[in-house]
């Protein structure tokens, strides 16, 4: 389960759902890609068995991420990749796996990615999540007000800015999301268009694809104003009446 939806920005009660999963004898895996860069996350307090997040969503290089797992579960699990550094001893008949976490790190380590991720985490910690959260709430309120004021635009999800956690997914009457993204790109505004790796959710909402704005603490009010200005011209530029 995602802690924060990358489509709707909704925050799930991970602690509650992890407890329900454990009551049923299930293992609970949390997707923290959209939460870890934006809020404090305590895996022990949440009670999750596993939690993963991506480095590129918090200013780190592409191709690096983190998987937290409870030690007792990781010790019971067999390795899923084989290669250098993940073995302690090898014979013709078998092998002894290396200690955690090396058992799961076969082959050449992405050293540069790990160094970049560590630097990114230190950067976020220097800024402080209290400051990050406060700034992103300010920007989220500005974006919510700007987007909801655009005619023919339909914002998916909550009716309050704070509940979106910086994620604003929308459709625009008469405009395909890919056309929206191309027009905005021409105006130097970057958004994502498509099903956002959430096709089942899109099917539930009866929306094949959407456009999405994602905010972080380093964005500015001027960028939000440019987004709104560009969006307000999309329908006209596609040949629709205002």
Protein backbone atom coordinates (compact mmCIF):
# COMPACT_ATOMS: atom_id res chain seq x y z
CA UNK A 1 0.00 0.00 0.00
CA UNK A 2 1.18 3.51 -0.80
CA UNK A 3 1.57 5.80 2.19
CA UNK A 4 0.75 8.74 -0.08
CA UNK A 5 -0.92 8.15 -3.45
CA UNK A 6 1.08 9.37 -6.42
CA UNK A 7 -2.22 10.02 -8.23
CA UNK A 8 -4.54 11.58 -5.66
CA UNK A 9 -2.09 12.73 -3.00
CA UNK A 10 -4.23 10.98 -0.39
CA UNK A 11 -2.43 9.71 2.73
CA UNK A 12 -3.37 6.23 3.89
CA UNK A 13 -3.43 5.15 7.53
CA UNK A 14 -0.53 2.75 7.17
CA UNK A 15 -0.33 1.89 10.86
CA UNK A 16 -3.98 0.76 10.86
CA UNK A 17 -3.70 -1.30 7.69
CA UNK A 18 -0.41 -2.89 8.77
CA UNK A 19 -2.08 -4.02 12.00
CA UNK A 20 -5.02 -5.50 10.06
CA UNK A 21 -2.61 -7.31 7.74
CA UNK A 22 -0.72 -8.79 10.67
CA UNK A 23 -3.96 -9.95 12.29
CA UNK A 24 -4.61 -11.93 9.10
CA UNK A 25 -1.08 -13.34 9.07
CA UNK A 26 0.00 -11.27 6.05
CA UNK A 27 3.23 -9.43 5.38
CA UNK A 28 2.77 -5.68 4.87
CA UNK A 29 4.81 -3.77 2.28
CA UNK A 30 4.60 0.03 2.19
CA UNK A 31 5.43 2.17 -0.84
CA UNK A 32 7.02 5.30 0.59
CA UNK A 33 8.15 6.86 -2.70
CA UNK A 34 5.68 9.72 -2.39
CA UNK A 35 5.89 10.15 1.39
CA UNK A 36 9.54 9.85 2.45
CA UNK A 37 10.67 13.01 0.59
CA UNK A 38 7.85 15.08 2.09
CA UNK A 39 7.26 14.04 5.70
CA UNK A 40 8.92 12.23 8.63
CA UNK A 41 8.52 8.45 8.28
CA UNK A 42 9.18 6.05 11.17
CA UNK A 43 9.02 2.42 10.00
CA UNK A 44 8.84 1.07 13.55
CA UNK A 45 5.98 3.39 14.51
CA UNK A 46 4.10 2.41 11.36
CA UNK A 47 4.61 -1.28 12.07
CA UNK A 48 5.42 -2.16 8.46
CA UNK A 49 7.41 -5.21 7.43
CA UNK A 50 8.94 -3.56 4.37
CA UNK A 51 9.12 0.01 3.07
CA UNK A 52 10.63 1.16 -0.21
CA UNK A 53 11.34 4.57 -1.68
CA UNK A 54 13.13 6.01 -4.71
CA UNK A 55 16.13 8.30 -4.58
CA UNK A 56 15.19 10.31 -7.66
CA UNK A 57 12.10 11.65 -5.88
CA UNK A 58 14.31 13.35 -3.30
CA UNK A 59 17.05 14.93 -5.42
CA UNK A 60 19.25 11.84 -5.58
CA UNK A 61 20.52 10.26 -8.83
CA UNK A 62 18.35 7.97 -10.92
CA UNK A 63 18.72 4.23 -10.35
CA UNK A 64 19.12 4.22 -6.55
CA UNK A 65 16.60 3.61 -3.80
CA UNK A 66 16.06 2.08 -0.39
CA UNK A 67 14.31 -1.04 0.77
CA UNK A 68 13.80 -1.36 4.52
CA UNK A 69 12.90 -4.80 5.80
CA UNK A 70 12.45 -6.32 9.23
CA UNK A 71 15.59 -8.28 10.04
CA UNK A 72 13.84 -11.53 10.94
CA UNK A 73 12.07 -11.57 7.59
CA UNK A 74 15.20 -10.69 5.61
CA UNK A 75 17.16 -13.43 7.35
CA UNK A 76 14.56 -16.02 6.35
CA UNK A 77 14.38 -14.88 2.73
CA UNK A 78 16.62 -16.43 0.08
CA UNK A 79 18.53 -14.11 -2.24
CA UNK A 80 16.79 -13.28 -5.53
CA UNK A 81 19.97 -12.27 -7.41
CA UNK A 82 23.24 -14.13 -7.55
CA UNK A 83 26.74 -12.83 -8.13
CA UNK A 84 29.77 -11.30 -6.48
CA UNK A 85 29.67 -10.09 -2.88
CA UNK A 86 26.45 -11.91 -1.91
CA UNK A 87 28.16 -15.17 -0.94
CA UNK A 88 30.28 -16.06 2.06
CA UNK A 89 31.57 -19.44 0.87
CA UNK A 90 31.06 -21.54 -2.26
CA UNK A 91 31.55 -25.27 -2.92
CA UNK A 92 30.58 -27.54 -5.79
CA UNK A 93 27.53 -28.61 -3.81
CA UNK A 94 26.25 -25.31 -2.47
CA UNK A 95 26.93 -21.89 -1.02
CA UNK A 96 26.68 -19.93 2.20
CA UNK A 97 25.09 -16.51 1.83
CA UNK A 98 26.76 -13.36 3.15
CA UNK A 99 25.40 -11.48 6.13
CA UNK A 100 22.66 -8.87 5.67
CA UNK A 101 22.38 -6.69 3.70
CA UNK A 102 25.06 -8.11 1.38
CA UNK A 103 23.00 -11.25 0.75
CA UNK A 104 20.71 -9.16 -1.43
CA UNK A 105 23.36 -7.02 -3.15
CA UNK A 106 24.78 -9.19 -5.91
CA UNK A 107 27.24 -7.76 -8.40
CA UNK A 108 28.90 -4.38 -8.59
CA UNK A 109 27.48 -1.94 -6.07
CA UNK A 110 26.05 1.35 -7.38
CA UNK A 111 28.56 3.28 -5.29
CA UNK A 112 28.04 6.67 -6.94
CA UNK A 113 24.27 6.35 -6.56
CA UNK A 114 24.61 5.45 -2.88
CA UNK A 115 26.90 8.42 -2.23
CA UNK A 116 24.44 10.70 -4.05
CA UNK A 117 21.49 9.34 -2.07
CA UNK A 118 23.35 9.81 1.22
CA UNK A 119 24.11 13.43 0.27
CA UNK A 120 20.46 13.98 -0.61
CA UNK A 121 19.25 12.58 2.71
CA UNK A 122 21.70 14.81 4.58
CA UNK A 123 20.44 17.79 2.55
CA UNK A 124 16.83 17.06 3.50
CA UNK A 125 17.78 16.64 7.14
CA UNK A 126 19.59 19.99 7.16
CA UNK A 127 16.49 21.72 5.79
CA UNK A 128 14.28 19.87 8.28
CA UNK A 129 10.97 18.18 7.56
CA UNK A 130 9.07 20.78 9.59
CA UNK A 131 10.28 23.43 7.14
CA UNK A 132 9.70 21.17 4.12
CA UNK A 133 6.14 20.36 5.17
CA UNK A 134 5.27 23.97 5.95
CA UNK A 135 6.64 25.23 2.64
CA UNK A 136 4.91 22.52 0.62
CA UNK A 137 1.58 23.29 2.32
CA UNK A 138 1.95 26.94 1.27
CA UNK A 139 2.71 25.95 -2.30
CA UNK A 140 -0.08 23.36 -2.29
CA UNK A 141 -2.64 25.95 -1.25
CA UNK A 142 -1.49 28.27 -4.03
CA UNK A 143 -1.64 25.49 -6.62
CA UNK A 144 -5.05 24.29 -5.44
CA UNK A 145 -6.50 27.79 -5.71
CA UNK A 146 -4.94 28.35 -9.12
CA UNK A 147 -6.08 25.03 -10.59
CA UNK A 148 -9.62 25.13 -9.24
CA UNK A 149 -10.04 28.57 -10.76
CA UNK A 150 -9.41 27.37 -14.33
CA UNK A 151 -12.62 26.74 -16.35
CA UNK A 152 -13.20 23.18 -17.64
CA UNK A 153 -10.48 21.77 -15.36
CA UNK A 154 -11.46 18.84 -13.11
CA UNK A 155 -9.23 18.13 -10.13
CA UNK A 156 -9.27 14.52 -8.93
CA UNK A 157 -9.26 13.68 -5.24
CA UNK A 158 -9.82 15.69 -2.09
CA UNK A 159 -11.61 19.03 -1.92
CA UNK A 160 -8.96 20.60 0.29
CA UNK A 161 -5.42 21.58 -0.67
CA UNK A 162 -3.71 20.07 2.37
CA UNK A 163 -5.09 16.60 1.68
CA UNK A 164 -3.35 16.51 -1.72
CA UNK A 165 0.18 16.56 -0.24
CA UNK A 166 1.52 18.45 -3.26
CA UNK A 167 -0.01 16.07 -5.84
CA UNK A 168 -2.63 17.58 -8.18
CA UNK A 169 -4.01 15.28 -10.87
CA UNK A 170 -6.55 16.66 -13.28
CA UNK A 171 -8.35 16.45 -16.60
CA UNK A 172 -9.29 19.29 -18.92
CA UNK A 173 -12.37 19.11 -21.12
CA UNK A 174 -11.51 18.59 -24.77
CA UNK A 175 -7.78 18.12 -24.12
CA UNK A 176 -5.89 14.83 -24.02
CA UNK A 177 -3.38 14.74 -21.13
CA UNK A 178 -0.50 14.19 -23.57
CA UNK A 179 -1.54 17.31 -25.49
CA UNK A 180 -1.73 19.21 -22.20
CA UNK A 181 1.80 18.13 -21.28
CA UNK A 182 3.20 19.07 -24.71
CA UNK A 183 1.63 22.54 -24.65
CA UNK A 184 2.84 23.15 -21.10
CA UNK A 185 6.28 21.88 -22.05
CA UNK A 186 6.44 24.49 -24.80
CA UNK A 187 5.85 27.07 -22.07
CA UNK A 188 8.65 25.59 -19.94
CA UNK A 189 6.27 23.91 -17.50
CA UNK A 190 6.86 20.24 -16.71
CA UNK A 191 4.00 17.92 -15.76
CA UNK A 192 3.42 14.21 -16.11
CA UNK A 193 0.70 12.75 -18.33
CA UNK A 194 -0.63 9.21 -18.55
CA UNK A 195 -1.94 6.62 -16.11
CA UNK A 196 0.89 7.19 -13.59
CA UNK A 197 1.54 3.47 -13.14
CA UNK A 198 -1.93 3.23 -11.58
CA UNK A 199 -4.10 1.73 -14.29
CA UNK A 200 -6.41 -0.08 -11.86
CA UNK A 201 -7.13 3.18 -10.05
CA UNK A 202 -7.72 4.92 -13.37
CA UNK A 203 -10.18 2.18 -14.33
CA UNK A 204 -11.99 2.64 -11.02
CA UNK A 205 -12.25 6.38 -11.65
CA UNK A 206 -13.29 5.74 -15.28
CA UNK A 207 -10.50 8.01 -16.44
CA UNK A 208 -8.06 6.50 -18.96
CA UNK A 209 -5.35 9.07 -18.32
CA UNK A 210 -4.71 12.37 -16.55
CA UNK A 211 -2.17 15.13 -16.19
CA UNK A 212 -0.37 15.59 -12.88
CA UNK A 213 1.41 18.43 -11.15
CA UNK A 214 3.89 17.45 -8.40
CA UNK A 215 5.20 20.08 -6.01
CA UNK A 216 8.19 20.11 -3.70
CA UNK A 217 9.71 22.63 -1.33
CA UNK A 218 12.01 24.04 -4.03
CA UNK A 219 9.13 25.15 -6.26
CA UNK A 220 7.97 28.77 -6.25
CA UNK A 221 4.77 30.77 -6.44
CA UNK A 222 6.01 32.20 -9.75
CA UNK A 223 6.17 28.69 -11.22
CA UNK A 224 2.62 27.98 -10.07
CA UNK A 225 1.46 31.21 -11.70
CA UNK A 226 3.18 30.21 -14.95
CA UNK A 227 1.50 26.77 -14.76
CA UNK A 228 -1.93 28.36 -14.34
CA UNK A 229 -1.33 30.87 -17.13
CA UNK A 230 -0.24 28.14 -19.54
CA UNK A 231 -3.09 25.82 -18.57
CA UNK A 232 -5.64 28.55 -19.13
CA UNK A 233 -4.59 28.72 -22.79
CA UNK A 234 -4.61 24.99 -23.59
CA UNK A 235 -8.19 24.71 -24.84
CA UNK A 236 -7.84 27.80 -27.05
CA UNK A 237 -4.59 26.49 -28.51
CA UNK A 238 -6.34 23.21 -29.32
CA UNK A 239 -9.10 25.05 -31.19
CA UNK A 240 -11.82 25.07 -28.55
CA UNK A 241 -13.95 28.04 -27.67
CA UNK A 242 -13.11 29.62 -24.31
